[in-house]
PDB file of N, CA and C in Angstrom:
ATOM      1  N   MET A   1     240.481 149.965 176.998  1.00  0.00           N
ATOM      2  CA  MET A   1     241.824 149.230 176.967  1.00  0.00           C
ATOM      3  C   MET A   1     243.034 150.342 176.709  1.00  0.00           C
ATOM      4  N   GLY A   2     242.398 151.482 176.225  1.00  0.00           N
ATOM      5  CA  GLY A   2     243.613 152.547 176.079  1.00  0.00           C
ATOM      6  C   GLY A   2     244.665 152.380 174.970  1.00  0.00           C
ATOM      7  N   VAL A   3     244.268 151.536 174.030  1.00  0.00           N
ATOM      8  CA  VAL A   3     245.108 151.290 172.780  1.00  0.00           C
ATOM      9  C   VAL A   3     244.944 152.478 171.584  1.00  0.00           C
ATOM     10  N   ALA A   4     246.025 153.310 171.610  1.00  0.00           N
ATOM     11  CA  ALA A   4     245.787 154.458 170.617  1.00  0.00           C
ATOM     12  C   ALA A   4     245.998 153.886 169.074  1.00  0.00           C
ATOM     13  N   TYR A   5     245.042 154.339 168.546  1.00  0.00           N
ATOM     14  CA  TYR A   5     245.198 154.005 166.970  1.00  0.00           C
ATOM     15  C   TYR A   5     244.651 155.339 166.045  1.00  0.00           C
ATOM     16  N   ALA A   6     245.388 155.023 164.790  1.00  0.00           N
ATOM     17  CA  ALA A   6     245.056 156.305 163.964  1.00  0.00           C
ATOM     18  C   ALA A   6     244.790 155.450 162.590  1.00  0.00           C
ATOM     19  N   ILE A   7     243.848 156.548 161.889  1.00  0.00           N
ATOM     20  CA  ILE A   7     243.551 156.037 160.604  1.00  0.00           C
ATOM     21  C   ILE A   7     244.462 156.653 159.543  1.00  0.00           C
ATOM     22  N   VAL A   8     244.988 155.957 158.649  1.00  0.00           N
ATOM     23  CA  VAL A   8     245.880 156.587 157.622  1.00  0.00           C
ATOM     24  C   VAL A   8     245.252 156.428 156.276  1.00  0.00           C
ATOM     25  N   SER A   9     245.246 157.101 155.440  1.00  0.00           N
ATOM     26  CA  SER A   9     244.501 157.128 154.168  1.00  0.00           C
ATOM     27  C   SER A   9     245.155 156.473 153.066  1.00  0.00           C
ATOM     28  N   VAL A  10     246.613 156.357 153.329  1.00  0.00           N
ATOM     29  CA  VAL A  10     247.666 155.860 152.149  1.00  0.00           C
ATOM     30  C   VAL A  10     248.255 154.812 152.837  1.00  0.00           C
ATOM     31  N   LYS A  11     248.216 153.730 151.933  1.00  0.00           N
ATOM     32  CA  LYS A  11     248.938 152.562 152.585  1.00  0.00           C
ATOM     33  C   LYS A  11     250.540 152.643 152.352  1.00  0.00           C
ATOM     34  N   GLY A  12     250.841 153.257 151.416  1.00  0.00           N
ATOM     35  CA  GLY A  12     252.194 153.578 151.210  1.00  0.00           C
ATOM     36  C   GLY A  12     253.021 154.312 152.536  1.00  0.00           C
ATOM     37  N   ARG A  13     252.202 155.224 153.078  1.00  0.00           N
ATOM     38  CA  ARG A  13     252.907 155.819 154.183  1.00  0.00           C
ATOM     39  C   ARG A  13     253.252 154.772 155.184  1.00  0.00           C
ATOM     40  N   LEU A  14     252.131 153.980 155.673  1.00  0.00           N
ATOM     41  CA  LEU A  14     252.417 152.904 156.588  1.00  0.00           C
ATOM     42  C   LEU A  14     253.614 152.005 156.166  1.00  0.00           C
ATOM     43  N   GLY A  15     253.835 151.833 154.913  1.00  0.00           N
ATOM     44  CA  GLY A  15     254.724 150.790 154.201  1.00  0.00           C
ATOM     45  C   GLY A  15     256.058 151.452 154.443  1.00  0.00           C
ATOM     46  N   ALA A  16     256.111 152.989 154.439  1.00  0.00           N
ATOM     47  CA  ALA A  16     257.463 153.401 154.617  1.00  0.00           C
ATOM     48  C   ALA A  16     257.795 153.426 156.049  1.00  0.00           C
ATOM     49  N   LEU A  17     256.862 153.206 156.973  1.00  0.00           N
ATOM     50  CA  LEU A  17     257.170 152.906 158.395  1.00  0.00           C
ATOM     51  C   LEU A  17     258.000 151.691 158.781  1.00  0.00           C
ATOM     52  N   VAL A  18     257.452 150.942 157.979  1.00  0.00           N
ATOM     53  CA  VAL A  18     258.094 149.446 158.506  1.00  0.00           C
ATOM     54  C   VAL A  18     259.039 148.797 156.962  1.00  0.00           C
ATOM     55  N   HIS A  19     259.548 149.859 156.320  1.00  0.00           N
ATOM     56  CA  HIS A  19     260.277 149.560 155.092  1.00  0.00           C
ATOM     57  C   HIS A  19     259.605 148.378 154.341  1.00  0.00           C
ATOM     58  N   GLN A  20     258.366 148.707 153.892  1.00  0.00           N
ATOM     59  CA  GLN A  20     257.746 147.639 152.816  1.00  0.00           C
ATOM     60  C   GLN A  20     257.124 148.886 151.764  1.00  0.00           C
ATOM     61  N   LYS A  21     256.689 148.136 150.729  1.00  0.00           N
ATOM     62  CA  LYS A  21     256.004 149.004 149.754  1.00  0.00           C
ATOM     63  C   LYS A  21     254.928 149.622 150.188  1.00  0.00           C
ATOM     64  N   THR A  22     253.841 148.533 150.837  1.00  0.00           N
ATOM     65  CA  THR A  22     252.602 149.015 151.387  1.00  0.00           C
ATOM     66  C   THR A  22     252.438 148.271 152.546  1.00  0.00           C
ATOM     67  N   ALA A  23     251.597 148.760 153.442  1.00  0.00           N
ATOM     68  CA  ALA A  23     251.141 148.083 154.698  1.00  0.00           C
ATOM     69  C   ALA A  23     249.614 148.277 154.977  1.00  0.00           C
ATOM     70  N   THR A  24     248.741 147.579 155.435  1.00  0.00           N
ATOM     71  CA  THR A  24     247.488 147.882 155.616  1.00  0.00           C
ATOM     72  C   THR A  24     247.544 148.083 157.022  1.00  0.00           C
ATOM     73  N   CYS A  25     248.188 147.565 158.094  1.00  0.00           N
ATOM     74  CA  CYS A  25     248.014 147.968 159.386  1.00  0.00           C
ATOM     75  C   CYS A  25     249.660 147.653 159.956  1.00  0.00           C
ATOM     76  N   VAL A  26     249.716 148.427 161.041  1.00  0.00           N
ATOM     77  CA  VAL A  26     251.100 148.490 161.817  1.00  0.00           C
ATOM     78  C   VAL A  26     250.748 148.431 163.213  1.00  0.00           C
ATOM     79  N   CYS A  27     251.547 147.488 164.023  1.00  0.00           N
ATOM     80  CA  CYS A  27     251.573 147.437 165.536  1.00  0.00           C
ATOM     81  C   CYS A  27     252.920 147.523 166.041  1.00  0.00           C
ATOM     82  N   LEU A  28     252.975 148.557 166.757  1.00  0.00           N
ATOM     83  CA  LEU A  28     254.219 148.738 167.316  1.00  0.00           C
ATOM     84  C   LEU A  28     254.562 148.170 168.931  1.00  0.00           C
ATOM     85  N   THR A  29     255.361 147.225 168.785  1.00  0.00           N
ATOM     86  CA  THR A  29     255.512 146.497 170.019  1.00  0.00           C
ATOM     87  C   THR A  29     256.777 146.945 170.907  1.00  0.00           C
ATOM     88  N   GLY A  30     257.760 147.753 170.214  1.00  0.00           N
ATOM     89  CA  GLY A  30     258.868 148.186 171.171  1.00  0.00           C
ATOM     90  C   GLY A  30     259.176 149.369 170.385  1.00  0.00           C
ATOM     91  N   VAL A  31     259.732 150.304 171.173  1.00  0.00           N
ATOM     92  CA  VAL A  31     260.227 151.687 170.818  1.00  0.00           C
ATOM     93  C   VAL A  31     261.621 151.937 171.428  1.00  0.00           C
ATOM     94  N   ASN A  32     262.582 152.417 170.554  1.00  0.00           N
ATOM     95  CA  ASN A  32     263.711 152.938 171.017  1.00  0.00           C
ATOM     96  C   ASN A  32     263.542 154.042 172.231  1.00  0.00           C
ATOM     97  N   PRO A  33     264.249 154.185 173.451  1.00  0.00           N
ATOM     98  CA  PRO A  33     264.275 155.247 174.510  1.00  0.00           C
ATOM     99  C   PRO A  33     264.331 156.558 173.659  1.00  0.00           C
ATOM    100  N   GLU A  34     265.051 156.676 172.775  1.00  0.00           N
ATOM    101  CA  GLU A  34     265.215 158.103 172.153  1.00  0.00           C
ATOM    102  C   GLU A  34     264.037 158.561 171.305  1.00  0.00           C
ATOM    103  N   ASP A  35     263.161 157.650 170.917  1.00  0.00           N
ATOM    104  CA  ASP A  35     262.104 157.890 170.176  1.00  0.00           C
ATOM    105  C   ASP A  35     260.636 157.802 170.981  1.00  0.00           C
ATOM    106  N   GLU A  36     261.004 157.516 172.290  1.00  0.00           N
ATOM    107  CA  GLU A  36     259.760 157.381 173.019  1.00  0.00           C
ATOM    108  C   GLU A  36     258.879 158.709 173.302  1.00  0.00           C
ATOM    109  N   ALA A  37     259.730 159.837 173.378  1.00  0.00           N
ATOM    110  CA  ALA A  37     258.896 161.107 173.501  1.00  0.00           C
ATOM    111  C   ALA A  37     258.122 161.430 172.232  1.00  0.00           C
ATOM    112  N   ALA A  38     258.582 161.194 171.075  1.00  0.00           N
ATOM    113  CA  ALA A  38     257.854 161.553 169.789  1.00  0.00           C
ATOM    114  C   ALA A  38     256.697 160.633 169.712  1.00  0.00           C
ATOM    115  N   LEU A  39     256.891 159.258 170.172  1.00  0.00           N
ATOM    116  CA  LEU A  39     255.798 158.343 170.127  1.00  0.00           C
ATOM    117  C   LEU A  39     254.836 158.921 171.062  1.00  0.00           C
ATOM    118  N   ASN A  40     255.084 159.258 172.323  1.00  0.00           N
ATOM    119  CA  ASN A  40     254.118 159.526 173.288  1.00  0.00           C
ATOM    120  C   ASN A  40     253.369 160.903 172.658  1.00  0.00           C
ATOM    121  N   SER A  41     253.834 161.671 172.136  1.00  0.00           N
ATOM    122  CA  SER A  41     253.180 162.949 171.601  1.00  0.00           C
ATOM    123  C   SER A  41     252.216 162.566 170.486  1.00  0.00           C
ATOM    124  N   LEU A  42     252.661 161.582 169.640  1.00  0.00           N
ATOM    125  CA  LEU A  42     251.776 161.168 168.628  1.00  0.00           C
ATOM    126  C   LEU A  42     250.703 160.381 169.173  1.00  0.00           C
ATOM    127  N   GLN A  43     250.862 159.751 170.242  1.00  0.00           N
ATOM    128  CA  GLN A  43     249.605 158.661 170.948  1.00  0.00           C
ATOM    129  C   GLN A  43     248.804 159.872 171.471  1.00  0.00           C
ATOM    130  N   GLU A  44     249.073 160.898 172.173  1.00  0.00           N
ATOM    131  CA  GLU A  44     248.408 161.858 172.747  1.00  0.00           C
ATOM    132  C   GLU A  44     247.440 162.382 171.648  1.00  0.00           C
ATOM    133  N   SER A  45     247.866 162.820 170.374  1.00  0.00           N
ATOM    134  CA  SER A  45     247.251 163.529 169.305  1.00  0.00           C
ATOM    135  C   SER A  45     246.078 162.456 168.745  1.00  0.00           C
ATOM    136  N   PHE A  46     246.814 161.162 168.753  1.00  0.00           N
ATOM    137  CA  PHE A  46     245.768 160.204 168.275  1.00  0.00           C
ATOM    138  C   PHE A  46     244.473 160.009 168.957  1.00  0.00           C
ATOM    139  N   THR A  47     244.890 159.862 170.493  1.00  0.00           N
ATOM    140  CA  THR A  47     243.741 159.686 171.429  1.00  0.00           C
ATOM    141  C   THR A  47     242.747 160.708 171.343  1.00  0.00           C
ATOM    142  N   THR A  48     243.089 162.044 171.086  1.00  0.00           N
ATOM    143  CA  THR A  48     242.283 163.289 171.198  1.00  0.00           C
ATOM    144  C   THR A  48     241.516 163.297 169.758  1.00  0.00           C
ATOM    145  N   LYS A  49     242.074 162.624 168.832  1.00  0.00           N
ATOM    146  CA  LYS A  49     241.432 162.891 167.402  1.00  0.00           C
ATOM    147  C   LYS A  49     240.502 161.773 167.246  1.00  0.00           C
ATOM    148  N   TYR A  50     240.776 160.524 167.781  1.00  0.00           N
ATOM    149  CA  TYR A  50     239.937 159.467 167.187  1.00  0.00           C
ATOM    150  C   TYR A  50     239.101 158.955 168.550  1.00  0.00           C
ATOM    151  N   ALA A  51     239.868 158.351 169.618  1.00  0.00           N
ATOM    152  CA  ALA A  51     239.347 157.927 170.833  1.00  0.00           C
ATOM    153  C   ALA A  51     238.148 158.661 171.388  1.00  0.00           C
ATOM    154  N   GLU A  52     238.626 159.967 171.619  1.00  0.00           N
ATOM    155  CA  GLU A  52     237.732 160.770 172.412  1.00  0.00           C
ATOM    156  C   GLU A  52     236.798 161.492 171.717  1.00  0.00           C
ATOM    157  N   ASN A  53     236.669 161.107 170.536  1.00  0.00           N
ATOM    158  CA  ASN A  53     235.674 161.789 169.405  1.00  0.00           C
ATOM    159  C   ASN A  53     234.305 161.063 169.644  1.00  0.00           C
ATOM    160  N   LYS A  54     233.349 161.308 170.432  1.00  0.00           N
ATOM    161  CA  LYS A  54     232.302 160.691 170.989  1.00  0.00           C
ATOM    162  C   LYS A  54     230.968 161.181 170.213  1.00  0.00           C
ATOM    163  N   LYS A  55     231.040 162.295 169.611  1.00  0.00           N
ATOM    164  CA  LYS A  55     229.781 163.045 168.717  1.00  0.00           C
ATOM    165  C   LYS A  55     229.493 162.159 167.558  1.00  0.00           C
ATOM    166  N   TRP A  56     228.403 161.661 167.535  1.00  0.00           N
ATOM    167  CA  TRP A  56     227.809 161.233 166.303  1.00  0.00           C
ATOM    168  C   TRP A  56     226.672 162.103 165.609  1.00  0.00           C
ATOM    169  N   GLY A  57     226.724 162.180 164.452  1.00  0.00           N
ATOM    170  CA  GLY A  57     225.748 162.814 163.666  1.00  0.00           C
ATOM    171  C   GLY A  57     225.364 164.142 164.094  1.00  0.00           C
ATOM    172  N   GLY A  58     224.272 164.600 163.720  1.00  0.00           N
ATOM    173  CA  GLY A  58     224.265 166.168 164.315  1.00  0.00           C
ATOM    174  C   GLY A  58     222.666 166.326 164.205  1.00  0.00           C
ATOM    175  N   GLY A  59     221.842 164.952 164.084  1.00  0.00           N
ATOM    176  CA  GLY A  59     220.494 165.188 164.434  1.00  0.00           C
ATOM    177  C   GLY A  59     219.426 165.556 163.166  1.00  0.00           C
ATOM    178  N   ILE A  60     220.263 165.910 162.050  1.00  0.00           N
ATOM    179  CA  ILE A  60     219.574 166.317 160.974  1.00  0.00           C
ATOM    180  C   ILE A  60     219.152 165.140 160.109  1.00  0.00           C
ATOM    181  N   MET A  61     217.960 165.131 159.838  1.00  0.00           N
ATOM    182  CA  MET A  61     217.375 164.218 158.915  1.00  0.00           C
ATOM    183  C   MET A  61     217.256 164.521 157.637  1.00  0.00           C
ATOM    184  N   GLY A  62     217.313 163.788 156.782  1.00  0.00           N
ATOM    185  CA  GLY A  62     217.289 163.928 155.113  1.00  0.00           C
ATOM    186  C   GLY A  62     215.725 164.442 154.771  1.00  0.00           C
ATOM    187  N   LEU A  63     215.956 164.990 153.648  1.00  0.00           N
ATOM    188  CA  LEU A  63     214.432 165.630 153.209  1.00  0.00           C
ATOM    189  C   LEU A  63     213.485 164.420 152.967  1.00  0.00           C
ATOM    190  N   LYS A  64     213.593 163.230 152.542  1.00  0.00           N
ATOM    191  CA  LYS A  64     212.430 162.188 152.662  1.00  0.00           C
ATOM    192  C   LYS A  64     212.009 161.991 154.159  1.00  0.00           C
ATOM    193  N   THR A  65     213.109 161.857 155.055  1.00  0.00           N
ATOM    194  CA  THR A  65     212.535 161.499 156.225  1.00  0.00           C
ATOM    195  C   THR A  65     211.734 162.657 157.035  1.00  0.00           C
ATOM    196  N   GLN A  66     212.151 163.778 156.626  1.00  0.00           N
ATOM    197  CA  GLN A  66     211.433 165.209 157.268  1.00  0.00           C
ATOM    198  C   GLN A  66     209.949 165.065 156.624  1.00  0.00           C
ATOM    199  N   ARG A  67     209.906 164.761 155.286  1.00  0.00           N
ATOM    200  CA  ARG A  67     208.579 164.949 154.637  1.00  0.00           C
ATOM    201  C   ARG A  67     207.668 163.639 155.256  1.00  0.00           C
ATOM    202  N   LYS A  68     208.251 162.555 155.766  1.00  0.00           N
ATOM    203  CA  LYS A  68     207.372 161.402 156.136  1.00  0.00           C
ATOM    204  C   LYS A  68     207.121 161.641 157.438  1.00  0.00           C
ATOM    205  N   LEU A  69     207.857 162.377 158.386  1.00  0.00           N
ATOM    206  CA  LEU A  69     207.536 162.778 159.739  1.00  0.00           C
ATOM    207  C   LEU A  69     206.377 163.738 159.555  1.00  0.00           C
ATOM    208  N   SER A  70     206.505 164.783 158.636  1.00  0.00           N
ATOM    209  CA  SER A  70     205.475 165.873 158.770  1.00  0.00           C
ATOM    210  C   SER A  70     204.061 165.419 158.240  1.00  0.00           C
ATOM    211  N   ILE A  71     204.279 164.265 157.282  1.00  0.00           N
ATOM    212  CA  ILE A  71     202.734 163.582 157.071  1.00  0.00           C
ATOM    213  C   ILE A  71     202.275 162.738 158.138  1.00  0.00           C
ATOM    214  N   ARG A  72     203.164 162.258 158.820  1.00  0.00           N
ATOM    215  CA  ARG A  72     202.663 161.503 160.053  1.00  0.00           C
ATOM    216  C   ARG A  72     202.165 162.429 161.043  1.00  0.00           C
ATOM    217  N   ALA A  73     202.821 163.519 161.473  1.00  0.00           N
ATOM    218  CA  ALA A  73     202.247 164.584 162.265  1.00  0.00           C
ATOM    219  C   ALA A  73     200.982 164.972 161.915  1.00  0.00           C
ATOM    220  N   ALA A  74     200.889 165.467 160.614  1.00  0.00           N
ATOM    221  CA  ALA A  74     199.567 165.868 160.152  1.00  0.00           C
ATOM    222  C   ALA A  74     198.351 164.821 160.123  1.00  0.00           C
ATOM    223  N   ALA A  75     198.754 163.553 160.176  1.00  0.00           N
ATOM    224  CA  ALA A  75     197.869 162.440 160.143  1.00  0.00           C
ATOM    225  C   ALA A  75     197.304 162.337 161.615  1.00  0.00           C
ATOM    226  N   ILE A  76     198.346 162.490 162.692  1.00  0.00           N
ATOM    227  CA  ILE A  76     197.945 162.399 163.852  1.00  0.00           C
ATOM    228  C   ILE A  76     197.230 163.524 164.453  1.00  0.00           C
ATOM    229  N   ALA A  77     197.405 164.719 164.008  1.00  0.00           N
ATOM    230  CA  ALA A  77     196.920 166.000 164.211  1.00  0.00           C
ATOM    231  C   ALA A  77     195.277 165.977 163.915  1.00  0.00           C
ATOM    232  N   ALA A  78     194.935 165.545 162.351  1.00  0.00           N
ATOM    233  CA  ALA A  78     193.760 165.328 161.913  1.00  0.00           C
ATOM    234  C   ALA A  78     192.905 164.133 162.530  1.00  0.00           C
ATOM    235  N   GLU A  79     193.460 163.114 163.334  1.00  0.00           N
ATOM    236  CA  GLU A  79     192.911 162.088 163.960  1.00  0.00           C
ATOM    237  C   GLU A  79     192.479 162.631 165.450  1.00  0.00           C
ATOM    238  N   LYS A  80     193.301 163.445 166.003  1.00  0.00           N
ATOM    239  CA  LYS A  80     192.955 164.251 167.218  1.00  0.00           C
ATOM    240  C   LYS A  80     191.693 165.046 166.974  1.00  0.00           C
ATOM    241  N   ALA A  81     191.820 165.880 165.909  1.00  0.00           N
ATOM    242  CA  ALA A  81     190.810 166.709 165.677  1.00  0.00           C
ATOM    243  C   ALA A  81     189.488 165.930 165.503  1.00  0.00           C
ATOM    244  N   LYS A  82     189.593 164.945 164.909  1.00  0.00           N
ATOM    245  CA  LYS A  82     188.294 164.059 164.480  1.00  0.00           C
ATOM    246  C   LYS A  82     187.704 163.637 165.811  1.00  0.00           C
ATOM    247  N   ARG A  83     188.599 162.888 166.698  1.00  0.00           N
ATOM    248  CA  ARG A  83     188.259 162.501 168.041  1.00  0.00           C
ATOM    249  C   ARG A  83     187.685 163.580 168.736  1.00  0.00           C
ATOM    250  N   ALA A  84     188.139 164.919 168.830  1.00  0.00           N
ATOM    251  CA  ALA A  84     187.663 166.074 169.551  1.00  0.00           C
ATOM    252  C   ALA A  84     186.383 166.358 169.175  1.00  0.00           C
ATOM    253  N   SER A  85     186.081 166.306 167.947  1.00  0.00           N
ATOM    254  CA  SER A  85     184.538 166.659 167.352  1.00  0.00           C
ATOM    255  C   SER A  85     183.738 165.778 167.505  1.00  0.00           C
ATOM    256  N   LEU A  86     184.018 164.471 168.148  1.00  0.00           N
ATOM    257  CA  LEU A  86     182.698 163.479 168.334  1.00  0.00           C
ATOM    258  C   LEU A  86     182.375 163.912 169.510  1.00  0.00           C
TER     259      LEU A  86
END
Protein backbone atom coordinates (compact mmCIF):
# COMPACT_ATOMS: atom_id res chain seq x y z
CA MET A 1 0.00 0.00 0.00
CA GLY A 2 2.91 2.37 0.59
CA VAL A 3 1.32 4.26 3.48
CA ALA A 4 3.98 5.96 5.58
CA TYR A 5 3.48 5.72 9.32
CA ALA A 6 5.41 6.58 12.45
CA ILE A 7 5.07 5.59 16.08
CA VAL A 8 5.19 8.55 18.44
CA SER A 9 5.68 7.82 22.13
CA VAL A 10 3.91 10.92 23.46
CA LYS A 11 0.25 11.65 22.67
CA GLY A 12 0.84 15.33 23.40
CA ARG A 13 3.15 15.71 20.40
CA LEU A 14 0.44 14.44 18.07
CA GLY A 15 -2.05 16.71 19.80
CA ALA A 16 0.17 19.71 19.13
CA LEU A 17 0.08 18.83 15.44
CA VAL A 18 -3.72 19.09 15.33
CA HIS A 19 -4.07 21.86 17.94
CA GLN A 20 -5.53 19.57 20.61
CA LYS A 21 -4.35 18.56 24.06
CA THR A 22 -3.65 14.96 23.05
CA ALA A 23 -4.30 12.74 20.06
CA THR A 24 -3.82 9.00 19.67
CA CYS A 25 -3.58 8.98 15.88
CA VAL A 26 -3.43 11.49 13.06
CA CYS A 27 -4.20 11.10 9.35
CA LEU A 28 -2.96 13.78 6.97
CA THR A 29 -5.33 14.18 4.02
CA GLY A 30 -4.16 17.50 2.60
CA VAL A 31 -0.88 19.39 2.66
CA ASN A 32 -0.08 22.97 1.73
CA PRO A 33 2.27 23.21 -1.27
CA GLU A 34 4.90 25.05 0.76
CA ASP A 35 4.96 22.23 3.35
CA GLU A 36 5.06 19.39 0.83
CA ALA A 37 8.87 19.16 0.70
CA ALA A 38 9.11 18.83 4.48
CA LEU A 39 6.39 16.18 4.47
CA ASN A 40 8.18 14.20 1.74
CA SER A 41 11.40 14.17 3.76
CA LEU A 42 9.47 13.01 6.83
CA GLN A 43 7.76 10.32 4.76
CA GLU A 44 11.10 9.00 3.51
CA SER A 45 12.52 8.85 7.03
CA PHE A 46 9.39 7.10 8.32
CA THR A 47 9.57 4.56 5.52
CA THR A 48 13.20 3.70 6.18
CA LYS A 49 12.73 3.54 9.93
CA TYR A 50 9.49 1.54 10.15
CA ALA A 51 8.27 0.03 6.87
CA GLU A 52 11.61 -1.26 5.57
CA ASN A 53 12.71 -2.70 8.90
CA LYS A 54 12.17 -6.41 8.21
CA LYS A 55 14.60 -7.92 10.72
CA TRP A 56 12.89 -9.82 13.52
CA GLY A 57 14.62 -11.11 16.61
CA GLY A 58 18.15 -12.36 16.40
CA GLY A 59 17.86 -16.09 16.83
CA ILE A 60 18.97 -15.92 20.45
CA MET A 61 17.00 -18.23 22.68
CA GLY A 62 16.48 -17.80 26.40
CA LEU A 63 18.28 -19.82 29.04
CA LYS A 64 15.32 -22.12 29.71
CA THR A 65 14.89 -22.93 26.04
CA GLN A 66 18.62 -23.55 25.61
CA ARG A 67 18.53 -25.93 28.57
CA LYS A 68 15.49 -27.81 27.22
CA LEU A 69 17.11 -28.19 23.80
CA SER A 70 20.37 -29.46 25.28
CA ILE A 71 18.47 -32.03 27.37
CA ARG A 72 16.51 -33.09 24.28
CA ALA A 73 19.72 -33.39 22.21
CA ALA A 74 21.36 -35.47 24.95
CA ALA A 75 18.34 -37.79 25.07
CA ILE A 76 18.43 -38.24 21.28
CA ALA A 77 22.17 -38.95 21.38
CA ALA A 78 21.67 -41.50 24.16
CA GLU A 79 18.89 -43.18 22.17
CA LYS A 80 21.11 -43.38 19.07
CA ALA A 81 23.97 -44.82 21.12
CA LYS A 82 21.59 -47.38 22.64
CA ARG A 83 20.32 -48.42 19.20
CA ALA A 84 23.87 -48.63 17.81
CA SER A 85 24.95 -50.98 20.60
CA LEU A 86 22.11 -53.44 19.86
